[in-house]
Amino acid sequence: MNHYELTMVLDPNIEEEGITNLLDRVASIVIKTNGEITETDRWGLRKLAYPIRKQEKGYYILLRLQADVALVGELEKSLKLANEVLRFMFIRTETKEVACQKQGD
């Protein structure tokens, strides 16, 4: 399994219920592809560097995931269709164990 970070910028006018529904949809896709969400970090409302869809602020959420490559395509399709998502970005990361082993070599 690969390790990923998913950062999402949501519409600032979204309510708590909308955030919970979006996270539930993401979790169901992750579980369906035999993945696991290891951490959810809500950064909250922040000012954007530039306006996106006429919004000056966005609600940031960071998810750390463990999953196969198939998850990325599946989640990208879902997030592109979600109106409440202004932007999102996937990053493949290495585990701490792998990084420590590389330093020791």
PDB file of N, CA and C in Angstrom:
ATOM      1  N   MET A   1       0.841  -1.191   0.000  1.00  0.00           N
ATOM      2  CA  MET A   1       0.000   0.000   0.000  1.00  0.00           C
ATOM      3  C   MET A   1       0.877   1.243   0.000  1.00  0.00           C
ATOM      4  N   ASN A   2       0.400   2.258  -0.690  1.00  0.00           N
ATOM      5  CA  ASN A   2       1.097   3.532  -0.740  1.00  0.00           C
ATOM      6  C   ASN A   2       0.509   4.484   0.292  1.00  0.00           C
ATOM      7  N   HIS A   3       1.299   5.467   0.670  1.00  0.00           N
ATOM      8  CA  HIS A   3       0.858   6.499   1.603  1.00  0.00           C
ATOM      9  C   HIS A   3       0.617   7.780   0.814  1.00  0.00           C
ATOM     10  N   TYR A   4      -0.510   8.446   1.108  1.00  0.00           N
ATOM     11  CA  TYR A   4      -0.875   9.665   0.395  1.00  0.00           C
ATOM     12  C   TYR A   4      -1.324  10.734   1.380  1.00  0.00           C
ATOM     13  N   GLU A   5      -1.191  11.979   0.948  1.00  0.00           N
ATOM     14  CA  GLU A   5      -1.812  13.106   1.630  1.00  0.00           C
ATOM     15  C   GLU A   5      -2.772  13.746   0.643  1.00  0.00           C
ATOM     16  N   LEU A   6      -3.989  13.985   1.081  1.00  0.00           N
ATOM     17  CA  LEU A   6      -5.002  14.653   0.278  1.00  0.00           C
ATOM     18  C   LEU A   6      -5.343  15.959   0.971  1.00  0.00           C
ATOM     19  N   THR A   7      -5.068  17.062   0.304  1.00  0.00           N
ATOM     20  CA  THR A   7      -5.422  18.377   0.819  1.00  0.00           C
ATOM     21  C   THR A   7      -6.592  18.894   0.003  1.00  0.00           C
ATOM     22  N   MET A   8      -7.647  19.310   0.690  1.00  0.00           N
ATOM     23  CA  MET A   8      -8.833  19.835   0.020  1.00  0.00           C
ATOM     24  C   MET A   8      -9.118  21.246   0.508  1.00  0.00           C
ATOM     25  N   VAL A   9      -9.516  22.103  -0.422  1.00  0.00           N
ATOM     26  CA  VAL A   9      -9.989  23.444  -0.100  1.00  0.00           C
ATOM     27  C   VAL A   9     -11.467  23.468  -0.440  1.00  0.00           C
ATOM     28  N   LEU A  10     -12.279  23.699   0.576  1.00  0.00           N
ATOM     29  CA  LEU A  10     -13.731  23.665   0.409  1.00  0.00           C
ATOM     30  C   LEU A  10     -14.303  25.071   0.387  1.00  0.00           C
ATOM     31  N   ASP A  11     -15.506  25.173  -0.135  1.00  0.00           N
ATOM     32  CA  ASP A  11     -16.247  26.432  -0.165  1.00  0.00           C
ATOM     33  C   ASP A  11     -16.356  26.966   1.268  1.00  0.00           C
ATOM     34  N   PRO A  12     -16.048  28.245   1.496  1.00  0.00           N
ATOM     35  CA  PRO A  12     -16.088  28.770   2.868  1.00  0.00           C
ATOM     36  C   PRO A  12     -17.494  28.840   3.458  1.00  0.00           C
ATOM     37  N   ASN A  13     -18.510  28.800   2.613  1.00  0.00           N
ATOM     38  CA  ASN A  13     -19.890  28.889   3.096  1.00  0.00           C
ATOM     39  C   ASN A  13     -20.476  27.531   3.473  1.00  0.00           C
ATOM     40  N   ILE A  14     -19.684  26.485   3.388  1.00  0.00           N
ATOM     41  CA  ILE A  14     -20.156  25.138   3.699  1.00  0.00           C
ATOM     42  C   ILE A  14     -20.413  25.018   5.206  1.00  0.00           C
ATOM     43  N   GLU A  15     -21.489  24.316   5.531  1.00  0.00           N
ATOM     44  CA  GLU A  15     -21.824  24.106   6.937  1.00  0.00           C
ATOM     45  C   GLU A  15     -21.160  22.828   7.442  1.00  0.00           C
ATOM     46  N   GLU A  16     -21.162  22.646   8.731  1.00  0.00           N
ATOM     47  CA  GLU A  16     -20.536  21.470   9.358  1.00  0.00           C
ATOM     48  C   GLU A  16     -21.119  20.171   8.811  1.00  0.00           C
ATOM     49  N   GLU A  17     -22.411  20.158   8.571  1.00  0.00           N
ATOM     50  CA  GLU A  17     -23.061  18.966   8.029  1.00  0.00           C
ATOM     51  C   GLU A  17     -22.528  18.636   6.624  1.00  0.00           C
ATOM     52  N   GLY A  18     -22.286  19.654   5.822  1.00  0.00           N
ATOM     53  CA  GLY A  18     -21.736  19.451   4.484  1.00  0.00           C
ATOM     54  C   GLY A  18     -20.326  18.894   4.528  1.00  0.00           C
ATOM     55  N   ILE A  19     -19.526  19.368   5.478  1.00  0.00           N
ATOM     56  CA  ILE A  19     -18.156  18.869   5.644  1.00  0.00           C
ATOM     57  C   ILE A  19     -18.190  17.398   6.058  1.00  0.00           C
ATOM     58  N   THR A  20     -19.064  17.085   7.007  1.00  0.00           N
ATOM     59  CA  THR A  20     -19.196  15.708   7.477  1.00  0.00           C
ATOM     60  C   THR A  20     -19.645  14.779   6.351  1.00  0.00           C
ATOM     61  N   ASN A  21     -20.604  15.234   5.534  1.00  0.00           N
ATOM     62  CA  ASN A  21     -21.074  14.421   4.412  1.00  0.00           C
ATOM     63  C   ASN A  21     -19.957  14.173   3.403  1.00  0.00           C
ATOM     64  N   LEU A  22     -19.167  15.200   3.105  1.00  0.00           N
ATOM     65  CA  LEU A  22     -18.053  15.045   2.159  1.00  0.00           C
ATOM     66  C   LEU A  22     -17.015  14.068   2.700  1.00  0.00           C
ATOM     67  N   LEU A  23     -16.671  14.196   3.977  1.00  0.00           N
ATOM     68  CA  LEU A  23     -15.696  13.284   4.580  1.00  0.00           C
ATOM     69  C   LEU A  23     -16.223  11.850   4.615  1.00  0.00           C
ATOM     70  N   ASP A  24     -17.518  11.685   4.816  1.00  0.00           N
ATOM     71  CA  ASP A  24     -18.119  10.353   4.781  1.00  0.00           C
ATOM     72  C   ASP A  24     -18.033   9.749   3.379  1.00  0.00           C
ATOM     73  N   ARG A  25     -18.289  10.566   2.353  1.00  0.00           N
ATOM     74  CA  ARG A  25     -18.183  10.076   0.966  1.00  0.00           C
ATOM     75  C   ARG A  25     -16.753   9.670   0.646  1.00  0.00           C
ATOM     76  N   VAL A  26     -15.779  10.495   1.070  1.00  0.00           N
ATOM     77  CA  VAL A  26     -14.366  10.167   0.841  1.00  0.00           C
ATOM     78  C   VAL A  26     -14.010   8.874   1.570  1.00  0.00           C
ATOM     79  N   ALA A  27     -14.452   8.745   2.824  1.00  0.00           N
ATOM     80  CA  ALA A  27     -14.158   7.540   3.611  1.00  0.00           C
ATOM     81  C   ALA A  27     -14.758   6.293   2.963  1.00  0.00           C
ATOM     82  N   SER A  28     -15.950   6.410   2.414  1.00  0.00           N
ATOM     83  CA  SER A  28     -16.570   5.236   1.783  1.00  0.00           C
ATOM     84  C   SER A  28     -15.793   4.811   0.540  1.00  0.00           C
ATOM     85  N   ILE A  29     -15.272   5.765  -0.222  1.00  0.00           N
ATOM     86  CA  ILE A  29     -14.461   5.424  -1.399  1.00  0.00           C
ATOM     87  C   ILE A  29     -13.156   4.782  -0.964  1.00  0.00           C
ATOM     88  N   VAL A  30     -12.540   5.303   0.096  1.00  0.00           N
ATOM     89  CA  VAL A  30     -11.284   4.740   0.598  1.00  0.00           C
ATOM     90  C   VAL A  30     -11.509   3.310   1.072  1.00  0.00           C
ATOM     91  N   ILE A  31     -12.572   3.069   1.812  1.00  0.00           N
ATOM     92  CA  ILE A  31     -12.869   1.726   2.313  1.00  0.00           C
ATOM     93  C   ILE A  31     -13.192   0.777   1.160  1.00  0.00           C
ATOM     94  N   LYS A  32     -13.925   1.286   0.165  1.00  0.00           N
ATOM     95  CA  LYS A  32     -14.297   0.461  -0.988  1.00  0.00           C
ATOM     96  C   LYS A  32     -13.059  -0.021  -1.758  1.00  0.00           C
ATOM     97  N   THR A  33     -11.996   0.783  -1.760  1.00  0.00           N
ATOM     98  CA  THR A  33     -10.767   0.406  -2.466  1.00  0.00           C
ATOM     99  C   THR A  33      -9.751  -0.225  -1.517  1.00  0.00           C
ATOM    100  N   ASN A  34     -10.222  -0.723  -0.376  1.00  0.00           N
ATOM    101  CA  ASN A  34      -9.384  -1.398   0.627  1.00  0.00           C
ATOM    102  C   ASN A  34      -8.291  -0.504   1.189  1.00  0.00           C
ATOM    103  N   GLY A  35      -8.597   0.767   1.343  1.00  0.00           N
ATOM    104  CA  GLY A  35      -7.644   1.712   1.923  1.00  0.00           C
ATOM    105  C   GLY A  35      -8.014   2.053   3.356  1.00  0.00           C
ATOM    106  N   GLU A  36      -7.274   3.002   3.911  1.00  0.00           N
ATOM    107  CA  GLU A  36      -7.491   3.401   5.300  1.00  0.00           C
ATOM    108  C   GLU A  36      -7.116   4.870   5.464  1.00  0.00           C
ATOM    109  N   ILE A  37      -7.957   5.630   6.163  1.00  0.00           N
ATOM    110  CA  ILE A  37      -7.637   7.011   6.515  1.00  0.00           C
ATOM    111  C   ILE A  37      -6.922   6.964   7.855  1.00  0.00           C
ATOM    112  N   THR A  38      -5.661   7.385   7.892  1.00  0.00           N
ATOM    113  CA  THR A  38      -4.887   7.306   9.121  1.00  0.00           C
ATOM    114  C   THR A  38      -4.974   8.576   9.954  1.00  0.00           C
ATOM    115  N   GLU A  39      -5.273   9.708   9.314  1.00  0.00           N
ATOM    116  CA  GLU A  39      -5.347  10.968  10.059  1.00  0.00           C
ATOM    117  C   GLU A  39      -6.217  11.962   9.309  1.00  0.00           C
ATOM    118  N   THR A  40      -7.022  12.713  10.045  1.00  0.00           N
ATOM    119  CA  THR A  40      -7.830  13.800   9.498  1.00  0.00           C
ATOM    120  C   THR A  40      -7.480  15.059  10.266  1.00  0.00           C
ATOM    121  N   ASP A  41      -7.046  16.086   9.543  1.00  0.00           N
ATOM    122  CA  ASP A  41      -6.642  17.331  10.181  1.00  0.00           C
ATOM    123  C   ASP A  41      -7.421  18.478   9.539  1.00  0.00           C
ATOM    124  N   ARG A  42      -8.287  19.094  10.330  1.00  0.00           N
ATOM    125  CA  ARG A  42      -9.064  20.241   9.832  1.00  0.00           C
ATOM    126  C   ARG A  42      -8.316  21.521  10.169  1.00  0.00           C
ATOM    127  N   TRP A  43      -7.862  22.206   9.139  1.00  0.00           N
ATOM    128  CA  TRP A  43      -7.129  23.455   9.348  1.00  0.00           C
ATOM    129  C   TRP A  43      -8.075  24.628   9.525  1.00  0.00           C
ATOM    130  N   GLY A  44      -9.284  24.500   9.040  1.00  0.00           N
ATOM    131  CA  GLY A  44     -10.276  25.550   9.203  1.00  0.00           C
ATOM    132  C   GLY A  44     -10.257  26.557   8.074  1.00  0.00           C
ATOM    133  N   LEU A  45     -10.887  27.685   8.324  1.00  0.00           N
ATOM    134  CA  LEU A  45     -11.050  28.740   7.331  1.00  0.00           C
ATOM    135  C   LEU A  45      -9.769  29.562   7.217  1.00  0.00           C
ATOM    136  N   ARG A  46      -9.258  29.698   5.992  1.00  0.00           N
ATOM    137  CA  ARG A  46      -8.033  30.474   5.751  1.00  0.00           C
ATOM    138  C   ARG A  46      -8.196  31.311   4.492  1.00  0.00           C
ATOM    139  N   LYS A  47      -7.420  32.375   4.439  1.00  0.00           N
ATOM    140  CA  LYS A  47      -7.428  33.254   3.262  1.00  0.00           C
ATOM    141  C   LYS A  47      -6.691  32.559   2.122  1.00  0.00           C
ATOM    142  N   LEU A  48      -7.261  32.633   0.933  1.00  0.00           N
ATOM    143  CA  LEU A  48      -6.643  32.048  -0.252  1.00  0.00           C
ATOM    144  C   LEU A  48      -5.611  33.012  -0.837  1.00  0.00           C
ATOM    145  N   ALA A  49      -4.612  32.492  -1.533  1.00  0.00           N
ATOM    146  CA  ALA A  49      -3.595  33.320  -2.171  1.00  0.00           C
ATOM    147  C   ALA A  49      -4.201  34.112  -3.331  1.00  0.00           C
ATOM    148  N   TYR A  50      -5.210  33.551  -3.964  1.00  0.00           N
ATOM    149  CA  TYR A  50      -5.911  34.215  -5.061  1.00  0.00           C
ATOM    150  C   TYR A  50      -7.351  33.718  -5.058  1.00  0.00           C
ATOM    151  N   PRO A  51      -8.276  34.495  -5.584  1.00  0.00           N
ATOM    152  CA  PRO A  51      -9.682  34.077  -5.569  1.00  0.00           C
ATOM    153  C   PRO A  51      -9.912  32.830  -6.426  1.00  0.00           C
ATOM    154  N   ILE A  52     -10.736  31.925  -5.910  1.00  0.00           N
ATOM    155  CA  ILE A  52     -11.164  30.734  -6.636  1.00  0.00           C
ATOM    156  C   ILE A  52     -12.688  30.751  -6.638  1.00  0.00           C
ATOM    157  N   ARG A  53     -13.283  30.732  -7.823  1.00  0.00           N
ATOM    158  CA  ARG A  53     -14.743  30.821  -7.972  1.00  0.00           C
ATOM    159  C   ARG A  53     -15.315  31.982  -7.169  1.00  0.00           C
ATOM    160  N   LYS A  54     -14.648  33.112  -7.234  1.00  0.00           N
ATOM    161  CA  LYS A  54     -15.039  34.367  -6.568  1.00  0.00           C
ATOM    162  C   LYS A  54     -15.012  34.273  -5.036  1.00  0.00           C
ATOM    163  N   GLN A  55     -14.287  33.302  -4.495  1.00  0.00           N
ATOM    164  CA  GLN A  55     -14.155  33.149  -3.044  1.00  0.00           C
ATOM    165  C   GLN A  55     -12.767  33.621  -2.618  1.00  0.00           C
ATOM    166  N   GLU A  56     -12.719  34.407  -1.549  1.00  0.00           N
ATOM    167  CA  GLU A  56     -11.449  34.905  -1.016  1.00  0.00           C
ATOM    168  C   GLU A  56     -10.886  33.996   0.077  1.00  0.00           C
ATOM    169  N   LYS A  57     -11.754  33.156   0.652  1.00  0.00           N
ATOM    170  CA  LYS A  57     -11.348  32.245   1.728  1.00  0.00           C
ATOM    171  C   LYS A  57     -11.762  30.822   1.367  1.00  0.00           C
ATOM    172  N   GLY A  58     -11.156  29.865   2.057  1.00  0.00           N
ATOM    173  CA  GLY A  58     -11.499  28.466   1.844  1.00  0.00           C
ATOM    174  C   GLY A  58     -11.322  27.684   3.131  1.00  0.00           C
ATOM    175  N   TYR A  59     -12.052  26.587   3.255  1.00  0.00           N
ATOM    176  CA  TYR A  59     -11.956  25.713   4.414  1.00  0.00           C
ATOM    177  C   TYR A  59     -11.022  24.561   4.055  1.00  0.00           C
ATOM    178  N   TYR A  60      -9.900  24.451   4.755  1.00  0.00           N
ATOM    179  CA  TYR A  60      -8.853  23.474   4.437  1.00  0.00           C
ATOM    180  C   TYR A  60      -8.992  22.212   5.284  1.00  0.00           C
ATOM    181  N   ILE A  61      -8.811  21.061   4.625  1.00  0.00           N
ATOM    182  CA  ILE A  61      -8.793  19.764   5.306  1.00  0.00           C
ATOM    183  C   ILE A  61      -7.644  18.946   4.735  1.00  0.00           C
ATOM    184  N   LEU A  62      -6.873  18.311   5.616  1.00  0.00           N
ATOM    185  CA  LEU A  62      -5.777  17.427   5.211  1.00  0.00           C
ATOM    186  C   LEU A  62      -6.102  16.014   5.677  1.00  0.00           C
ATOM    187  N   LEU A  63      -6.038  15.058   4.753  1.00  0.00           N
ATOM    188  CA  LEU A  63      -6.246  13.651   5.082  1.00  0.00           C
ATOM    189  C   LEU A  63      -4.975  12.886   4.761  1.00  0.00           C
ATOM    190  N   ARG A  64      -4.565  12.003   5.652  1.00  0.00           N
ATOM    191  CA  ARG A  64      -3.459  11.089   5.373  1.00  0.00           C
ATOM    192  C   ARG A  64      -4.073   9.709   5.155  1.00  0.00           C
ATOM    193  N   LEU A  65      -3.683   9.060   4.049  1.00  0.00           N
ATOM    194  CA  LEU A  65      -4.307   7.818   3.624  1.00  0.00           C
ATOM    195  C   LEU A  65      -3.276   6.742   3.349  1.00  0.00           C
ATOM    196  N   GLN A  66      -3.703   5.503   3.469  1.00  0.00           N
ATOM    197  CA  GLN A  66      -2.946   4.350   2.999  1.00  0.00           C
ATOM    198  C   GLN A  66      -3.868   3.617   2.046  1.00  0.00           C
ATOM    199  N   ALA A  67      -3.416   3.460   0.798  1.00  0.00           N
ATOM    200  CA  ALA A  67      -4.288   2.813  -0.189  1.00  0.00           C
ATOM    201  C   ALA A  67      -3.493   2.422  -1.417  1.00  0.00           C
ATOM    202  N   ASP A  68      -4.166   1.682  -2.305  1.00  0.00           N
ATOM    203  CA  ASP A  68      -3.574   1.324  -3.580  1.00  0.00           C
ATOM    204  C   ASP A  68      -3.730   2.481  -4.568  1.00  0.00           C
ATOM    205  N   VAL A  69      -3.057   2.370  -5.690  1.00  0.00           N
ATOM    206  CA  VAL A  69      -3.074   3.419  -6.709  1.00  0.00           C
ATOM    207  C   VAL A  69      -4.477   3.660  -7.256  1.00  0.00           C
ATOM    208  N   ALA A  70      -5.310   2.637  -7.289  1.00  0.00           N
ATOM    209  CA  ALA A  70      -6.665   2.769  -7.824  1.00  0.00           C
ATOM    210  C   ALA A  70      -7.477   3.818  -7.071  1.00  0.00           C
ATOM    211  N   LEU A  71      -7.154   4.054  -5.816  1.00  0.00           N
ATOM    212  CA  LEU A  71      -7.881   5.028  -5.011  1.00  0.00           C
ATOM    213  C   LEU A  71      -7.761   6.432  -5.580  1.00  0.00           C
ATOM    214  N   VAL A  72      -6.590   6.795  -6.059  1.00  0.00           N
ATOM    215  CA  VAL A  72      -6.349   8.162  -6.527  1.00  0.00           C
ATOM    216  C   VAL A  72      -7.318   8.516  -7.659  1.00  0.00           C
ATOM    217  N   GLY A  73      -7.415   7.665  -8.660  1.00  0.00           N
ATOM    218  CA  GLY A  73      -8.320   7.936  -9.773  1.00  0.00           C
ATOM    219  C   GLY A  73      -9.773   7.989  -9.351  1.00  0.00           C
ATOM    220  N   GLU A  74     -10.148   7.079  -8.478  1.00  0.00           N
ATOM    221  CA  GLU A  74     -11.535   7.022  -7.997  1.00  0.00           C
ATOM    222  C   GLU A  74     -11.896   8.283  -7.216  1.00  0.00           C
ATOM    223  N   LEU A  75     -11.009   8.719  -6.328  1.00  0.00           N
ATOM    224  CA  LEU A  75     -11.287   9.925  -5.542  1.00  0.00           C
ATOM    225  C   LEU A  75     -11.247  11.174  -6.409  1.00  0.00           C
ATOM    226  N   GLU A  76     -10.336  11.239  -7.360  1.00  0.00           N
ATOM    227  CA  GLU A  76     -10.268  12.407  -8.238  1.00  0.00           C
ATOM    228  C   GLU A  76     -11.580  12.601  -8.988  1.00  0.00           C
ATOM    229  N   LYS A  77     -12.146  11.513  -9.499  1.00  0.00           N
ATOM    230  CA  LYS A  77     -13.429  11.613 -10.202  1.00  0.00           C
ATOM    231  C   LYS A  77     -14.512  12.167  -9.284  1.00  0.00           C
ATOM    232  N   SER A  78     -14.562  11.666  -8.073  1.00  0.00           N
ATOM    233  CA  SER A  78     -15.584  12.089  -7.124  1.00  0.00           C
ATOM    234  C   SER A  78     -15.397  13.547  -6.700  1.00  0.00           C
ATOM    235  N   LEU A  79     -14.156  13.949  -6.423  1.00  0.00           N
ATOM    236  CA  LEU A  79     -13.902  15.309  -5.945  1.00  0.00           C
ATOM    237  C   LEU A  79     -14.099  16.352  -7.045  1.00  0.00           C
ATOM    238  N   LYS A  80     -13.835  15.995  -8.296  1.00  0.00           N
ATOM    239  CA  LYS A  80     -14.063  16.935  -9.398  1.00  0.00           C
ATOM    240  C   LYS A  80     -15.548  17.243  -9.557  1.00  0.00           C
ATOM    241  N   LEU A  81     -16.401  16.294  -9.226  1.00  0.00           N
ATOM    242  CA  LEU A  81     -17.844  16.483  -9.354  1.00  0.00           C
ATOM    243  C   LEU A  81     -18.477  17.152  -8.133  1.00  0.00           C
ATOM    244  N   ALA A  82     -17.758  17.207  -7.027  1.00  0.00           N
ATOM    245  CA  ALA A  82     -18.296  17.785  -5.789  1.00  0.00           C
ATOM    246  C   ALA A  82     -18.258  19.315  -5.868  1.00  0.00           C
ATOM    247  N   ASN A  83     -19.416  19.952  -5.804  1.00  0.00           N
ATOM    248  CA  ASN A  83     -19.508  21.409  -5.914  1.00  0.00           C
ATOM    249  C   ASN A  83     -18.846  22.128  -4.743  1.00  0.00           C
ATOM    250  N   GLU A  84     -18.815  21.502  -3.584  1.00  0.00           N
ATOM    251  CA  GLU A  84     -18.265  22.164  -2.401  1.00  0.00           C
ATOM    252  C   GLU A  84     -16.734  22.175  -2.381  1.00  0.00           C
ATOM    253  N   VAL A  85     -16.089  21.406  -3.261  1.00  0.00           N
ATOM    254  CA  VAL A  85     -14.626  21.347  -3.305  1.00  0.00           C
ATOM    255  C   VAL A  85     -14.118  22.377  -4.316  1.00  0.00           C
ATOM    256  N   LEU A  86     -13.362  23.368  -3.824  1.00  0.00           N
ATOM    257  CA  LEU A  86     -12.775  24.374  -4.708  1.00  0.00           C
ATOM    258  C   LEU A  86     -11.515  23.832  -5.383  1.00  0.00           C
ATOM    259  N   ARG A  87     -10.642  23.203  -4.609  1.00  0.00           N
ATOM    260  CA  ARG A  87      -9.399  22.620  -5.117  1.00  0.00           C
ATOM    261  C   ARG A  87      -9.033  21.415  -4.252  1.00  0.00           C
ATOM    262  N   PHE A  88      -8.250  20.498  -4.833  1.00  0.00           N
ATOM    263  CA  PHE A  88      -7.707  19.387  -4.062  1.00  0.00           C
ATOM    264  C   PHE A  88      -6.379  18.985  -4.673  1.00  0.00           C
ATOM    265  N   MET A  89      -5.555  18.318  -3.852  1.00  0.00           N
ATOM    266  CA  MET A  89      -4.243  17.894  -4.319  1.00  0.00           C
ATOM    267  C   MET A  89      -3.842  16.608  -3.599  1.00  0.00           C
ATOM    268  N   PHE A  90      -3.415  15.616  -4.389  1.00  0.00           N
ATOM    269  CA  PHE A  90      -2.880  14.364  -3.863  1.00  0.00           C
ATOM    270  C   PHE A  90      -1.366  14.434  -3.891  1.00  0.00           C
ATOM    271  N   ILE A  91      -0.734  13.945  -2.837  1.00  0.00           N
ATOM    272  CA  ILE A  91       0.724  13.814  -2.789  1.00  0.00           C
ATOM    273  C   ILE A  91       1.041  12.430  -2.251  1.00  0.00           C
ATOM    274  N   ARG A  92       1.888  11.711  -2.959  1.00  0.00           N
ATOM    275  CA  ARG A  92       2.345  10.411  -2.462  1.00  0.00           C
ATOM    276  C   ARG A  92       3.510  10.665  -1.523  1.00  0.00           C
ATOM    277  N   THR A  93       3.460  10.087  -0.325  1.00  0.00           N
ATOM    278  CA  THR A  93       4.498  10.299   0.682  1.00  0.00           C
ATOM    279  C   THR A  93       5.161   8.980   1.020  1.00  0.00           C
ATOM    280  N   GLU A  94       6.291   9.082   1.666  1.00  0.00           N
ATOM    281  CA  GLU A  94       6.981   7.894   2.161  1.00  0.00           C
ATOM    282  C   GLU A  94       6.697   7.755   3.651  1.00  0.00           C
ATOM    283  N   THR A  95       6.773   6.535   4.146  1.00  0.00           N
ATOM    284  CA  THR A  95       6.581   6.324   5.576  1.00  0.00           C
ATOM    285  C   THR A  95       7.843   6.754   6.319  1.00  0.00           C
ATOM    286  N   LYS A  96       7.719   6.991   7.612  1.00  0.00           N
ATOM    287  CA  LYS A  96       8.879   7.382   8.417  1.00  0.00           C
ATOM    288  C   LYS A  96       9.908   6.265   8.466  1.00  0.00           C
ATOM    289  N   GLU A  97       9.438   5.014   8.484  1.00  0.00           N
ATOM    290  CA  GLU A  97      10.357   3.875   8.547  1.00  0.00           C
ATOM    291  C   GLU A  97      11.247   3.832   7.314  1.00  0.00           C
ATOM    292  N   VAL A  98      10.660   4.062   6.142  1.00  0.00           N
ATOM    293  CA  VAL A  98      11.423   4.043   4.898  1.00  0.00           C
ATOM    294  C   VAL A  98      12.421   5.192   4.885  1.00  0.00           C
ATOM    295  N   ALA A  99      11.997   6.375   5.342  1.00  0.00           N
ATOM    296  CA  ALA A  99      12.907   7.518   5.350  1.00  0.00           C
ATOM    297  C   ALA A  99      14.081   7.280   6.298  1.00  0.00           C
ATOM    298  N   CYS A 100      13.835   6.654   7.440  1.00  0.00           N
ATOM    299  CA  CYS A 100      14.911   6.362   8.393  1.00  0.00           C
ATOM    300  C   CYS A 100      15.881   5.319   7.813  1.00  0.00           C
ATOM    301  N   GLN A 101      15.355   4.315   7.121  1.00  0.00           N
ATOM    302  CA  GLN A 101      16.208   3.294   6.525  1.00  0.00           C
ATOM    303  C   GLN A 101      17.106   3.893   5.464  1.00  0.00           C
ATOM    304  N   LYS A 102      16.581   4.840   4.675  1.00  0.00           N
ATOM    305  CA  LYS A 102      17.397   5.451   3.638  1.00  0.00           C
ATOM    306  C   LYS A 102      18.524   6.279   4.225  1.00  0.00           C
ATOM    307  N   GLN A 103      18.285   6.923   5.357  1.00  0.00           N
ATOM    308  CA  GLN A 103      19.322   7.726   5.997  1.00  0.00           C
ATOM    309  C   GLN A 103      20.404   6.837   6.595  1.00  0.00           C
ATOM    310  N   GLY A 104      20.035   5.670   7.078  1.00  0.00           N
ATOM    311  CA  GLY A 104      20.966   4.754   7.705  1.00  0.00           C
ATOM    312  C   GLY A 104      21.864   4.038   6.708  1.00  0.00           C
ATOM    313  N   ASP A 105      21.456   3.945   5.442  1.00  0.00           N
ATOM    314  CA  ASP A 105      22.239   3.238   4.417  1.00  0.00           C
ATOM    315  C   ASP A 105      23.477   3.998   4.021  1.00  0.00           C
TER     316      ASP A 105
END
